[in-house]
Amino acid sequence: MKIVQIAGYLGSGKTTLIIALSRKVAEAGMKVAILVNDVGAVPVDGKVIEEYGLTVKDIGGGCICCQVAGTMIRTLETLAKGPKPEMIIIEPTGIAVPESIRQTVMMNAGKTGAVLGPTIVLFDTTRTDKLLTYDTLKRLVTTQIRDADIVALSKVDLSSADATDHAERAVRELNQTAKIIRLSTVTGEGLAVLADQMREVTVQA
C-alpha cells in the first residue's frame, strides 16, 4: 500500500482536492482508500463510493499525528488485511505536522506493508501574508511546508498572477527542494500532474 498524505492549514482546500484526486487515481485503475480525522467532513456519497470503488475510514477522537496515531495504524492494518487498497490517502487535521504522521507510518511499516508516497501540502495563495505573518500560525504553516515533498499552491483561480507568484516565492524560500504545483480544483489546473505524482513517486524514509 502506498501512503499519500495531503496536509495543509485549515481552509486550504484539502477535502475538495482529495475527492478530485481520488477519482483521478481510481480512474487510472488503482484501488483507493481515504483516511480522515472526521469522515463527516468528507462529502463522498454512496454513489461516488460505488462508482469509484473508494473506501473511506474515520480516525476520530483527536489529531491523527498524536492523540490517535495508534488508531491510524490499526486502521492501516485492517485495510491491509481487508480491502487491500493500492493507495491510501491520509487527510490529517489542519493543525497536524506531516513529518509526525510520516514517521508513525514508517515505524509500523512492518505491520502494515506500507510504502511512502509523496507528502503533499496545500498552501492557500489567497492568504499568503496572513499564513506567514502571525507568529503561531506562521510556525505551523512553515513546518508543514518544510515537511512537504510537493507543495500545491491552491485556489490559483481566485488569485492574481502576481499573488500566485508571491506565494510561490514565499514557499520556495521555506523549502528549496519540494516540487511546486499550481492548483485549482475549480478549473482543474494541476490535478492531472498531481495525480501522476501520487501514482509514480515513492519516497525514501
N, C-alpha and C. Protein backbone atom coordinates (compact mmCIF):
# COMPACT_ATOMS: atom_id res chain seq x y z
N MET A 1 0.85 -1.19 0.00
CA MET A 1 0.00 0.00 0.00
C MET A 1 0.88 1.24 0.00
N LYS A 2 0.58 2.15 -0.89
CA LYS A 2 1.29 3.43 -0.91
C LYS A 2 0.50 4.44 -0.10
N ILE A 3 1.20 5.11 0.83
CA ILE A 3 0.56 6.11 1.68
C ILE A 3 0.88 7.50 1.15
N VAL A 4 -0.15 8.24 0.79
CA VAL A 4 0.00 9.62 0.34
C VAL A 4 -0.73 10.53 1.33
N GLN A 5 0.02 11.45 1.89
CA GLN A 5 -0.56 12.37 2.86
C GLN A 5 -0.86 13.71 2.18
N ILE A 6 -2.07 14.22 2.40
CA ILE A 6 -2.43 15.54 1.88
C ILE A 6 -2.75 16.43 3.06
N ALA A 7 -1.80 17.32 3.38
CA ALA A 7 -1.90 18.17 4.56
C ALA A 7 -2.05 19.63 4.14
N GLY A 8 -2.16 20.49 5.15
CA GLY A 8 -2.30 21.91 4.88
C GLY A 8 -3.19 22.55 5.92
N TYR A 9 -3.01 23.84 6.10
CA TYR A 9 -3.75 24.54 7.15
C TYR A 9 -5.24 24.59 6.82
N LEU A 10 -6.03 24.83 7.85
CA LEU A 10 -7.49 24.90 7.72
C LEU A 10 -7.90 25.84 6.58
N GLY A 11 -8.81 25.37 5.76
CA GLY A 11 -9.34 26.21 4.69
C GLY A 11 -8.52 26.23 3.42
N SER A 12 -7.49 25.38 3.35
CA SER A 12 -6.64 25.39 2.15
C SER A 12 -7.24 24.61 0.99
N GLY A 13 -8.28 23.82 1.26
CA GLY A 13 -8.96 23.10 0.18
C GLY A 13 -8.65 21.62 0.12
N LYS A 14 -8.21 21.03 1.24
CA LYS A 14 -7.79 19.62 1.23
C LYS A 14 -8.92 18.67 0.85
N THR A 15 -10.08 18.84 1.47
CA THR A 15 -11.15 17.88 1.26
C THR A 15 -11.61 17.84 -0.19
N THR A 16 -11.82 19.00 -0.78
CA THR A 16 -12.24 19.07 -2.18
C THR A 16 -11.19 18.43 -3.08
N LEU A 17 -9.93 18.70 -2.78
CA LEU A 17 -8.85 18.14 -3.57
C LEU A 17 -8.81 16.62 -3.47
N ILE A 18 -8.96 16.10 -2.26
CA ILE A 18 -8.88 14.66 -2.05
C ILE A 18 -9.95 13.92 -2.85
N ILE A 19 -11.15 14.46 -2.89
CA ILE A 19 -12.21 13.83 -3.67
C ILE A 19 -11.84 13.82 -5.15
N ALA A 20 -11.35 14.97 -5.65
CA ALA A 20 -11.00 15.06 -7.07
C ALA A 20 -9.84 14.12 -7.41
N LEU A 21 -8.83 14.07 -6.55
CA LEU A 21 -7.68 13.21 -6.83
C LEU A 21 -8.02 11.73 -6.70
N SER A 22 -8.87 11.40 -5.74
CA SER A 22 -9.29 10.00 -5.57
C SER A 22 -9.96 9.49 -6.84
N ARG A 23 -10.78 10.33 -7.43
CA ARG A 23 -11.45 9.94 -8.67
C ARG A 23 -10.44 9.71 -9.79
N LYS A 24 -9.48 10.63 -9.91
CA LYS A 24 -8.49 10.51 -10.98
C LYS A 24 -7.63 9.26 -10.82
N VAL A 25 -7.21 9.00 -9.59
CA VAL A 25 -6.37 7.83 -9.33
C VAL A 25 -7.17 6.55 -9.56
N ALA A 26 -8.43 6.55 -9.12
CA ALA A 26 -9.28 5.38 -9.32
C ALA A 26 -9.55 5.15 -10.81
N GLU A 27 -9.74 6.22 -11.55
CA GLU A 27 -9.96 6.11 -12.99
C GLU A 27 -8.75 5.51 -13.71
N ALA A 28 -7.56 5.70 -13.09
CA ALA A 28 -6.34 5.13 -13.67
C ALA A 28 -6.16 3.67 -13.30
N GLY A 29 -7.12 3.13 -12.53
CA GLY A 29 -7.11 1.70 -12.24
C GLY A 29 -6.61 1.30 -10.87
N MET A 30 -6.36 2.28 -10.00
CA MET A 30 -5.86 1.95 -8.67
C MET A 30 -7.00 1.91 -7.66
N LYS A 31 -6.92 0.99 -6.72
CA LYS A 31 -7.89 0.87 -5.64
C LYS A 31 -7.48 1.83 -4.52
N VAL A 32 -8.39 2.72 -4.13
CA VAL A 32 -8.05 3.83 -3.24
C VAL A 32 -8.86 3.78 -1.95
N ALA A 33 -8.19 4.07 -0.83
CA ALA A 33 -8.87 4.28 0.44
C ALA A 33 -8.51 5.67 0.96
N ILE A 34 -9.42 6.28 1.71
CA ILE A 34 -9.21 7.61 2.27
C ILE A 34 -9.34 7.52 3.78
N LEU A 35 -8.33 8.03 4.49
CA LEU A 35 -8.37 8.09 5.95
C LEU A 35 -8.47 9.56 6.36
N VAL A 36 -9.47 9.87 7.18
CA VAL A 36 -9.66 11.26 7.62
C VAL A 36 -9.92 11.30 9.11
N ASN A 37 -9.63 12.45 9.71
CA ASN A 37 -9.93 12.63 11.12
C ASN A 37 -11.43 12.70 11.37
N ASP A 38 -12.16 13.22 10.41
CA ASP A 38 -13.61 13.38 10.58
C ASP A 38 -14.29 13.00 9.28
N VAL A 39 -14.82 11.79 9.22
CA VAL A 39 -15.42 11.30 7.98
C VAL A 39 -16.61 12.14 7.55
N GLY A 40 -17.28 12.77 8.51
CA GLY A 40 -18.43 13.62 8.17
C GLY A 40 -18.04 14.84 7.37
N ALA A 41 -16.75 15.20 7.41
CA ALA A 41 -16.29 16.38 6.69
C ALA A 41 -15.96 16.07 5.24
N VAL A 42 -15.98 14.79 4.88
CA VAL A 42 -15.67 14.41 3.51
C VAL A 42 -16.96 14.03 2.78
N PRO A 43 -17.43 14.87 1.88
CA PRO A 43 -18.73 14.66 1.25
C PRO A 43 -18.67 13.65 0.12
N VAL A 44 -18.42 12.40 0.47
CA VAL A 44 -18.40 11.34 -0.54
C VAL A 44 -19.69 10.54 -0.39
N ASP A 45 -20.60 10.68 -1.33
CA ASP A 45 -21.87 9.97 -1.18
C ASP A 45 -21.72 8.52 -1.68
N GLY A 46 -22.75 7.73 -1.39
CA GLY A 46 -22.69 6.32 -1.71
C GLY A 46 -22.48 6.04 -3.18
N LYS A 47 -23.06 6.86 -4.03
CA LYS A 47 -22.94 6.64 -5.46
C LYS A 47 -21.49 6.80 -5.91
N VAL A 48 -20.81 7.82 -5.37
CA VAL A 48 -19.41 8.05 -5.74
C VAL A 48 -18.54 6.90 -5.23
N ILE A 49 -18.79 6.46 -3.98
CA ILE A 49 -18.04 5.35 -3.41
C ILE A 49 -18.20 4.10 -4.27
N GLU A 50 -19.43 3.83 -4.69
CA GLU A 50 -19.70 2.64 -5.50
C GLU A 50 -19.06 2.77 -6.89
N GLU A 51 -19.20 3.93 -7.49
CA GLU A 51 -18.71 4.13 -8.85
C GLU A 51 -17.19 4.02 -8.93
N TYR A 52 -16.50 4.58 -7.93
CA TYR A 52 -15.04 4.63 -7.99
C TYR A 52 -14.38 3.60 -7.08
N GLY A 53 -15.16 2.83 -6.36
CA GLY A 53 -14.59 1.78 -5.51
C GLY A 53 -13.79 2.31 -4.34
N LEU A 54 -14.16 3.49 -3.83
CA LEU A 54 -13.41 4.09 -2.73
C LEU A 54 -13.79 3.46 -1.40
N THR A 55 -12.83 3.44 -0.49
CA THR A 55 -13.08 3.06 0.90
C THR A 55 -12.76 4.28 1.76
N VAL A 56 -13.70 4.68 2.62
CA VAL A 56 -13.49 5.84 3.47
C VAL A 56 -13.50 5.40 4.92
N LYS A 57 -12.43 5.72 5.66
CA LYS A 57 -12.30 5.34 7.06
C LYS A 57 -12.13 6.58 7.93
N ASP A 58 -12.77 6.56 9.09
CA ASP A 58 -12.73 7.68 10.03
C ASP A 58 -11.72 7.41 11.14
N ILE A 59 -10.83 8.38 11.38
CA ILE A 59 -9.90 8.32 12.50
C ILE A 59 -10.26 9.48 13.41
N GLY A 60 -11.30 9.32 14.22
CA GLY A 60 -11.79 10.42 15.04
C GLY A 60 -11.19 10.41 16.43
N GLY A 61 -11.55 11.43 17.21
CA GLY A 61 -11.16 11.47 18.61
C GLY A 61 -9.90 12.24 18.91
N GLY A 62 -9.34 12.93 17.93
CA GLY A 62 -8.13 13.70 18.16
C GLY A 62 -7.33 13.85 16.89
N CYS A 63 -6.19 14.51 17.01
CA CYS A 63 -5.34 14.74 15.84
C CYS A 63 -4.64 13.45 15.45
N ILE A 64 -4.66 13.16 14.15
CA ILE A 64 -4.13 11.90 13.64
C ILE A 64 -2.62 11.76 13.86
N CYS A 65 -1.93 12.90 14.07
CA CYS A 65 -0.48 12.83 14.22
C CYS A 65 -0.05 12.64 15.67
N CYS A 66 -1.00 12.64 16.60
CA CYS A 66 -0.58 12.47 18.00
C CYS A 66 -1.59 11.64 18.78
N GLN A 67 -2.75 12.22 19.15
CA GLN A 67 -3.67 11.51 20.05
C GLN A 67 -4.18 10.18 19.51
N VAL A 68 -4.39 10.09 18.21
CA VAL A 68 -5.00 8.87 17.66
C VAL A 68 -4.08 8.17 16.66
N ALA A 69 -2.77 8.31 16.85
CA ALA A 69 -1.82 7.65 15.95
C ALA A 69 -2.00 6.13 15.99
N GLY A 70 -2.25 5.59 17.20
CA GLY A 70 -2.46 4.14 17.31
C GLY A 70 -3.67 3.67 16.53
N THR A 71 -4.73 4.46 16.57
CA THR A 71 -5.93 4.12 15.81
C THR A 71 -5.64 4.13 14.32
N MET A 72 -4.85 5.09 13.89
CA MET A 72 -4.48 5.15 12.47
C MET A 72 -3.75 3.88 12.04
N ILE A 73 -2.79 3.43 12.85
CA ILE A 73 -2.03 2.24 12.49
C ILE A 73 -2.93 1.00 12.48
N ARG A 74 -3.81 0.89 13.45
CA ARG A 74 -4.74 -0.25 13.46
C ARG A 74 -5.63 -0.23 12.23
N THR A 75 -6.04 0.96 11.81
CA THR A 75 -6.86 1.06 10.61
C THR A 75 -6.07 0.66 9.37
N LEU A 76 -4.81 1.06 9.30
CA LEU A 76 -3.97 0.65 8.17
C LEU A 76 -3.81 -0.87 8.14
N GLU A 77 -3.65 -1.47 9.32
CA GLU A 77 -3.54 -2.93 9.39
C GLU A 77 -4.81 -3.60 8.88
N THR A 78 -5.96 -3.05 9.29
CA THR A 78 -7.25 -3.60 8.85
C THR A 78 -7.40 -3.49 7.34
N LEU A 79 -7.02 -2.35 6.78
CA LEU A 79 -7.11 -2.16 5.34
C LEU A 79 -6.18 -3.13 4.60
N ALA A 80 -5.00 -3.35 5.15
CA ALA A 80 -4.03 -4.25 4.53
C ALA A 80 -4.56 -5.68 4.46
N LYS A 81 -5.36 -6.06 5.48
CA LYS A 81 -5.89 -7.42 5.52
C LYS A 81 -7.21 -7.54 4.75
N GLY A 82 -7.95 -6.42 4.68
CA GLY A 82 -9.28 -6.48 4.10
C GLY A 82 -9.36 -5.95 2.68
N PRO A 83 -9.76 -4.68 2.51
CA PRO A 83 -9.93 -4.15 1.15
C PRO A 83 -8.65 -4.13 0.31
N LYS A 84 -7.49 -4.09 0.99
CA LYS A 84 -6.18 -4.09 0.32
C LYS A 84 -6.08 -3.04 -0.78
N PRO A 85 -6.26 -1.78 -0.42
CA PRO A 85 -6.11 -0.73 -1.43
C PRO A 85 -4.67 -0.59 -1.87
N GLU A 86 -4.49 -0.15 -3.10
CA GLU A 86 -3.13 0.11 -3.59
C GLU A 86 -2.61 1.45 -3.10
N MET A 87 -3.53 2.37 -2.85
CA MET A 87 -3.14 3.69 -2.35
C MET A 87 -4.07 4.11 -1.22
N ILE A 88 -3.48 4.65 -0.16
CA ILE A 88 -4.26 5.22 0.92
C ILE A 88 -3.93 6.70 1.02
N ILE A 89 -4.95 7.53 0.92
CA ILE A 89 -4.78 8.97 1.05
C ILE A 89 -5.18 9.37 2.47
N ILE A 90 -4.24 9.97 3.19
CA ILE A 90 -4.50 10.41 4.55
C ILE A 90 -4.72 11.91 4.56
N GLU A 91 -5.85 12.33 5.13
CA GLU A 91 -6.11 13.75 5.33
C GLU A 91 -6.08 14.04 6.83
N PRO A 92 -4.98 14.61 7.34
CA PRO A 92 -4.94 14.97 8.75
C PRO A 92 -5.68 16.28 8.99
N THR A 93 -5.81 16.64 10.25
CA THR A 93 -6.41 17.93 10.58
C THR A 93 -5.51 19.05 10.07
N GLY A 94 -6.07 20.25 10.01
CA GLY A 94 -5.31 21.39 9.51
C GLY A 94 -4.16 21.82 10.38
N ILE A 95 -4.13 21.31 11.61
CA ILE A 95 -3.04 21.69 12.52
C ILE A 95 -2.03 20.56 12.71
N ALA A 96 -2.12 19.53 11.89
CA ALA A 96 -1.21 18.38 12.02
C ALA A 96 0.15 18.70 11.42
N VAL A 97 1.17 18.01 11.96
CA VAL A 97 2.54 18.13 11.46
C VAL A 97 2.82 16.91 10.57
N PRO A 98 3.02 17.10 9.27
CA PRO A 98 3.16 15.97 8.35
C PRO A 98 4.26 14.99 8.72
N GLU A 99 5.41 15.47 9.20
CA GLU A 99 6.52 14.58 9.49
C GLU A 99 6.17 13.59 10.59
N SER A 100 5.36 14.01 11.57
CA SER A 100 4.96 13.10 12.65
C SER A 100 4.17 11.92 12.11
N ILE A 101 3.28 12.20 11.17
CA ILE A 101 2.48 11.14 10.56
C ILE A 101 3.36 10.23 9.72
N ARG A 102 4.28 10.82 8.97
CA ARG A 102 5.19 10.04 8.14
C ARG A 102 6.02 9.08 8.99
N GLN A 103 6.55 9.58 10.10
CA GLN A 103 7.36 8.74 10.98
C GLN A 103 6.54 7.60 11.60
N THR A 104 5.31 7.91 12.00
CA THR A 104 4.44 6.88 12.58
C THR A 104 4.16 5.78 11.57
N VAL A 105 3.89 6.17 10.33
CA VAL A 105 3.62 5.19 9.28
C VAL A 105 4.83 4.29 9.06
N MET A 106 6.01 4.88 8.98
CA MET A 106 7.20 4.08 8.65
C MET A 106 7.66 3.23 9.83
N MET A 107 7.45 3.69 11.05
CA MET A 107 7.81 2.89 12.22
C MET A 107 6.98 1.61 12.29
N ASN A 108 5.82 1.65 11.65
CA ASN A 108 4.91 0.50 11.69
C ASN A 108 4.75 -0.16 10.33
N ALA A 109 5.68 0.12 9.42
CA ALA A 109 5.56 -0.40 8.06
C ALA A 109 5.60 -1.93 8.03
N GLY A 110 6.30 -2.53 9.01
CA GLY A 110 6.35 -3.99 9.06
C GLY A 110 4.99 -4.61 9.32
N LYS A 111 4.15 -3.91 10.06
CA LYS A 111 2.81 -4.41 10.36
C LYS A 111 1.83 -4.18 9.21
N THR A 112 2.04 -3.07 8.49
CA THR A 112 1.05 -2.65 7.50
C THR A 112 1.47 -2.90 6.06
N GLY A 113 2.75 -3.11 5.84
CA GLY A 113 3.24 -3.26 4.47
C GLY A 113 3.23 -1.96 3.69
N ALA A 114 3.21 -0.82 4.40
CA ALA A 114 3.09 0.48 3.75
C ALA A 114 4.41 0.95 3.17
N VAL A 115 4.32 1.66 2.05
CA VAL A 115 5.44 2.41 1.49
C VAL A 115 4.99 3.85 1.38
N LEU A 116 5.96 4.76 1.39
CA LEU A 116 5.62 6.17 1.36
C LEU A 116 5.51 6.72 -0.05
N GLY A 117 4.38 7.32 -0.32
CA GLY A 117 4.27 8.18 -1.48
C GLY A 117 4.60 9.59 -1.05
N PRO A 118 4.38 10.57 -1.91
CA PRO A 118 4.75 11.93 -1.55
C PRO A 118 3.84 12.53 -0.47
N THR A 119 4.45 13.38 0.36
CA THR A 119 3.68 14.21 1.29
C THR A 119 3.35 15.50 0.56
N ILE A 120 2.06 15.73 0.38
CA ILE A 120 1.58 16.91 -0.35
C ILE A 120 1.03 17.91 0.66
N VAL A 121 1.49 19.14 0.59
CA VAL A 121 0.97 20.19 1.47
C VAL A 121 0.34 21.27 0.61
N LEU A 122 -0.90 21.60 0.94
CA LEU A 122 -1.59 22.68 0.24
C LEU A 122 -1.26 24.02 0.90
N PHE A 123 -1.04 25.00 0.05
CA PHE A 123 -0.81 26.37 0.53
C PHE A 123 -1.76 27.29 -0.20
N ASP A 124 -2.57 28.01 0.57
CA ASP A 124 -3.63 28.87 0.04
C ASP A 124 -3.03 30.16 -0.51
N THR A 125 -3.07 30.32 -1.82
CA THR A 125 -2.45 31.50 -2.44
C THR A 125 -3.21 32.79 -2.16
N THR A 126 -4.44 32.67 -1.65
CA THR A 126 -5.21 33.88 -1.33
C THR A 126 -4.89 34.41 0.06
N ARG A 127 -4.06 33.67 0.83
CA ARG A 127 -3.79 34.08 2.22
C ARG A 127 -2.29 34.03 2.55
N THR A 128 -1.45 34.27 1.57
CA THR A 128 -0.01 34.11 1.78
C THR A 128 0.50 34.93 2.97
N ASP A 129 0.23 36.21 2.96
CA ASP A 129 0.77 37.07 4.02
C ASP A 129 0.19 36.73 5.38
N LYS A 130 -1.09 36.43 5.43
CA LYS A 130 -1.70 36.06 6.71
C LYS A 130 -1.10 34.78 7.27
N LEU A 131 -0.95 33.77 6.42
CA LEU A 131 -0.44 32.49 6.87
C LEU A 131 1.01 32.56 7.34
N LEU A 132 1.76 33.50 6.78
CA LEU A 132 3.19 33.56 7.09
C LEU A 132 3.57 34.81 7.89
N THR A 133 2.57 35.40 8.56
CA THR A 133 2.84 36.61 9.35
C THR A 133 2.57 36.39 10.83
N TYR A 134 1.39 35.89 11.17
CA TYR A 134 1.02 35.70 12.58
C TYR A 134 1.90 34.61 13.19
N ASP A 135 2.51 34.92 14.34
CA ASP A 135 3.57 34.08 14.90
C ASP A 135 3.20 32.61 15.03
N THR A 136 2.12 32.31 15.77
CA THR A 136 1.76 30.91 16.00
C THR A 136 1.40 30.22 14.69
N LEU A 137 0.62 30.90 13.87
CA LEU A 137 0.21 30.35 12.58
C LEU A 137 1.42 30.17 11.67
N LYS A 138 2.31 31.15 11.67
CA LYS A 138 3.50 31.07 10.82
C LYS A 138 4.35 29.86 11.17
N ARG A 139 4.52 29.57 12.46
CA ARG A 139 5.34 28.42 12.86
C ARG A 139 4.76 27.11 12.34
N LEU A 140 3.44 26.97 12.46
CA LEU A 140 2.79 25.75 12.00
C LEU A 140 2.88 25.61 10.48
N VAL A 141 2.50 26.65 9.77
CA VAL A 141 2.47 26.60 8.30
C VAL A 141 3.88 26.40 7.75
N THR A 142 4.85 27.07 8.36
CA THR A 142 6.24 26.90 7.94
C THR A 142 6.69 25.45 8.11
N THR A 143 6.34 24.84 9.24
CA THR A 143 6.68 23.44 9.48
C THR A 143 6.03 22.54 8.44
N GLN A 144 4.76 22.78 8.15
CA GLN A 144 4.08 21.97 7.16
C GLN A 144 4.76 22.06 5.79
N ILE A 145 5.11 23.27 5.39
CA ILE A 145 5.75 23.46 4.08
C ILE A 145 7.11 22.77 4.04
N ARG A 146 7.87 22.88 5.11
CA ARG A 146 9.20 22.27 5.14
C ARG A 146 9.14 20.74 5.13
N ASP A 147 8.02 20.18 5.59
CA ASP A 147 7.84 18.73 5.60
C ASP A 147 7.39 18.18 4.25
N ALA A 148 7.07 19.05 3.31
CA ALA A 148 6.43 18.63 2.06
C ALA A 148 7.42 18.11 1.02
N ASP A 149 6.99 17.08 0.29
CA ASP A 149 7.67 16.68 -0.94
C ASP A 149 7.12 17.46 -2.12
N ILE A 150 5.82 17.76 -2.03
CA ILE A 150 5.14 18.56 -3.06
C ILE A 150 4.33 19.64 -2.34
N VAL A 151 4.45 20.88 -2.79
CA VAL A 151 3.58 21.94 -2.31
C VAL A 151 2.62 22.31 -3.44
N ALA A 152 1.34 22.18 -3.16
CA ALA A 152 0.32 22.55 -4.15
C ALA A 152 -0.20 23.93 -3.80
N LEU A 153 0.03 24.88 -4.67
CA LEU A 153 -0.47 26.24 -4.46
C LEU A 153 -1.94 26.27 -4.84
N SER A 154 -2.80 26.25 -3.83
CA SER A 154 -4.23 26.08 -4.08
C SER A 154 -4.94 27.40 -4.38
N LYS A 155 -6.11 27.27 -4.98
CA LYS A 155 -7.01 28.40 -5.28
C LYS A 155 -6.40 29.42 -6.23
N VAL A 156 -5.60 28.94 -7.18
CA VAL A 156 -4.99 29.90 -8.10
C VAL A 156 -6.03 30.57 -8.99
N ASP A 157 -7.19 29.97 -9.10
CA ASP A 157 -8.27 30.60 -9.86
C ASP A 157 -8.81 31.84 -9.18
N LEU A 158 -8.57 31.96 -7.87
CA LEU A 158 -9.02 33.12 -7.10
C LEU A 158 -7.92 34.15 -6.88
N SER A 159 -6.71 33.84 -7.32
CA SER A 159 -5.57 34.73 -7.11
C SER A 159 -5.13 35.36 -8.43
N SER A 160 -4.59 36.56 -8.32
CA SER A 160 -3.98 37.17 -9.50
C SER A 160 -2.66 36.48 -9.78
N ALA A 161 -2.13 36.71 -10.96
CA ALA A 161 -0.84 36.13 -11.32
C ALA A 161 0.24 36.61 -10.35
N ASP A 162 0.18 37.89 -9.97
CA ASP A 162 1.17 38.43 -9.04
C ASP A 162 1.06 37.77 -7.67
N ALA A 163 -0.17 37.55 -7.20
CA ALA A 163 -0.37 36.93 -5.89
C ALA A 163 0.12 35.48 -5.90
N THR A 164 -0.11 34.79 -6.99
CA THR A 164 0.35 33.41 -7.10
C THR A 164 1.88 33.35 -7.15
N ASP A 165 2.48 34.26 -7.90
CA ASP A 165 3.95 34.34 -7.95
C ASP A 165 4.52 34.64 -6.56
N HIS A 166 3.86 35.54 -5.84
CA HIS A 166 4.29 35.90 -4.48
C HIS A 166 4.22 34.67 -3.58
N ALA A 167 3.16 33.90 -3.68
CA ALA A 167 3.01 32.69 -2.87
C ALA A 167 4.10 31.68 -3.21
N GLU A 168 4.40 31.53 -4.50
CA GLU A 168 5.42 30.56 -4.90
C GLU A 168 6.80 30.96 -4.37
N ARG A 169 7.12 32.25 -4.44
CA ARG A 169 8.41 32.71 -3.92
C ARG A 169 8.51 32.46 -2.41
N ALA A 170 7.42 32.73 -1.70
CA ALA A 170 7.42 32.53 -0.24
C ALA A 170 7.61 31.06 0.11
N VAL A 171 6.94 30.18 -0.63
CA VAL A 171 7.08 28.74 -0.40
C VAL A 171 8.50 28.28 -0.71
N ARG A 172 9.05 28.75 -1.82
CA ARG A 172 10.38 28.32 -2.23
C ARG A 172 11.45 28.75 -1.22
N GLU A 173 11.25 29.88 -0.57
CA GLU A 173 12.20 30.31 0.46
C GLU A 173 12.22 29.33 1.63
N LEU A 174 11.09 28.69 1.89
CA LEU A 174 10.98 27.78 3.03
C LEU A 174 11.36 26.35 2.68
N ASN A 175 11.20 25.98 1.43
CA ASN A 175 11.50 24.61 1.00
C ASN A 175 12.11 24.68 -0.39
N GLN A 176 13.42 24.45 -0.45
CA GLN A 176 14.14 24.61 -1.72
C GLN A 176 14.06 23.38 -2.62
N THR A 177 13.58 22.27 -2.10
CA THR A 177 13.60 21.02 -2.88
C THR A 177 12.22 20.51 -3.30
N ALA A 178 11.18 20.94 -2.66
CA ALA A 178 9.84 20.43 -2.98
C ALA A 178 9.42 20.80 -4.40
N LYS A 179 8.68 19.92 -5.03
CA LYS A 179 8.06 20.24 -6.30
C LYS A 179 6.87 21.16 -6.02
N ILE A 180 6.73 22.23 -6.78
CA ILE A 180 5.62 23.17 -6.58
C ILE A 180 4.68 23.05 -7.77
N ILE A 181 3.41 22.85 -7.46
CA ILE A 181 2.38 22.69 -8.50
C ILE A 181 1.28 23.71 -8.26
N ARG A 182 0.94 24.46 -9.26
CA ARG A 182 -0.17 25.42 -9.17
C ARG A 182 -1.47 24.66 -9.39
N LEU A 183 -2.44 24.92 -8.50
CA LEU A 183 -3.61 24.03 -8.44
C LEU A 183 -4.91 24.81 -8.34
N SER A 184 -5.90 24.33 -9.07
CA SER A 184 -7.28 24.80 -8.90
C SER A 184 -8.22 23.62 -9.08
N THR A 185 -8.99 23.31 -8.04
CA THR A 185 -9.97 22.24 -8.18
C THR A 185 -11.20 22.72 -8.95
N VAL A 186 -11.30 24.03 -9.17
CA VAL A 186 -12.41 24.59 -9.94
C VAL A 186 -12.16 24.44 -11.44
N THR A 187 -10.98 24.86 -11.88
CA THR A 187 -10.65 24.78 -13.32
C THR A 187 -9.99 23.46 -13.69
N GLY A 188 -9.47 22.75 -12.68
CA GLY A 188 -8.77 21.50 -12.95
C GLY A 188 -7.28 21.67 -13.15
N GLU A 189 -6.78 22.90 -13.11
CA GLU A 189 -5.35 23.13 -13.29
C GLU A 189 -4.54 22.36 -12.24
N GLY A 190 -3.56 21.62 -12.69
CA GLY A 190 -2.64 20.93 -11.80
C GLY A 190 -3.12 19.57 -11.32
N LEU A 191 -4.38 19.23 -11.49
CA LEU A 191 -4.91 17.98 -10.94
C LEU A 191 -4.26 16.75 -11.58
N ALA A 192 -4.14 16.74 -12.89
CA ALA A 192 -3.57 15.58 -13.57
C ALA A 192 -2.10 15.39 -13.18
N VAL A 193 -1.37 16.49 -13.08
CA VAL A 193 0.05 16.41 -12.70
C VAL A 193 0.18 15.86 -11.29
N LEU A 194 -0.68 16.35 -10.39
CA LEU A 194 -0.62 15.91 -9.00
C LEU A 194 -1.00 14.43 -8.88
N ALA A 195 -2.01 14.00 -9.61
CA ALA A 195 -2.40 12.59 -9.59
C ALA A 195 -1.28 11.70 -10.13
N ASP A 196 -0.59 12.16 -11.17
CA ASP A 196 0.54 11.40 -11.70
C ASP A 196 1.65 11.27 -10.66
N GLN A 197 1.92 12.35 -9.93
CA GLN A 197 2.95 12.31 -8.89
C GLN A 197 2.58 11.32 -7.79
N MET A 198 1.31 11.28 -7.43
CA MET A 198 0.85 10.36 -6.41
C MET A 198 1.08 8.91 -6.83
N ARG A 199 0.80 8.61 -8.08
CA ARG A 199 0.95 7.24 -8.57
C ARG A 199 2.41 6.86 -8.76
N GLU A 200 3.21 7.79 -9.23
CA GLU A 200 4.55 7.44 -9.72
C GLU A 200 5.66 7.61 -8.67
N VAL A 201 5.47 8.52 -7.72
CA VAL A 201 6.57 8.86 -6.81
C VAL A 201 6.53 8.02 -5.54
N THR A 202 7.67 7.44 -5.21
CA THR A 202 7.86 6.76 -3.93
C THR A 202 9.00 7.46 -3.20
N VAL A 203 8.81 7.72 -1.91
CA VAL A 203 9.77 8.50 -1.13
C VAL A 203 10.52 7.58 -0.18
N GLN A 204 11.82 7.77 -0.10
CA GLN A 204 12.62 7.01 0.85
C GLN A 204 12.45 7.56 2.24
N ALA A 205 12.27 6.71 3.23
CA ALA A 205 12.08 7.15 4.62
C ALA A 205 13.38 7.73 5.17
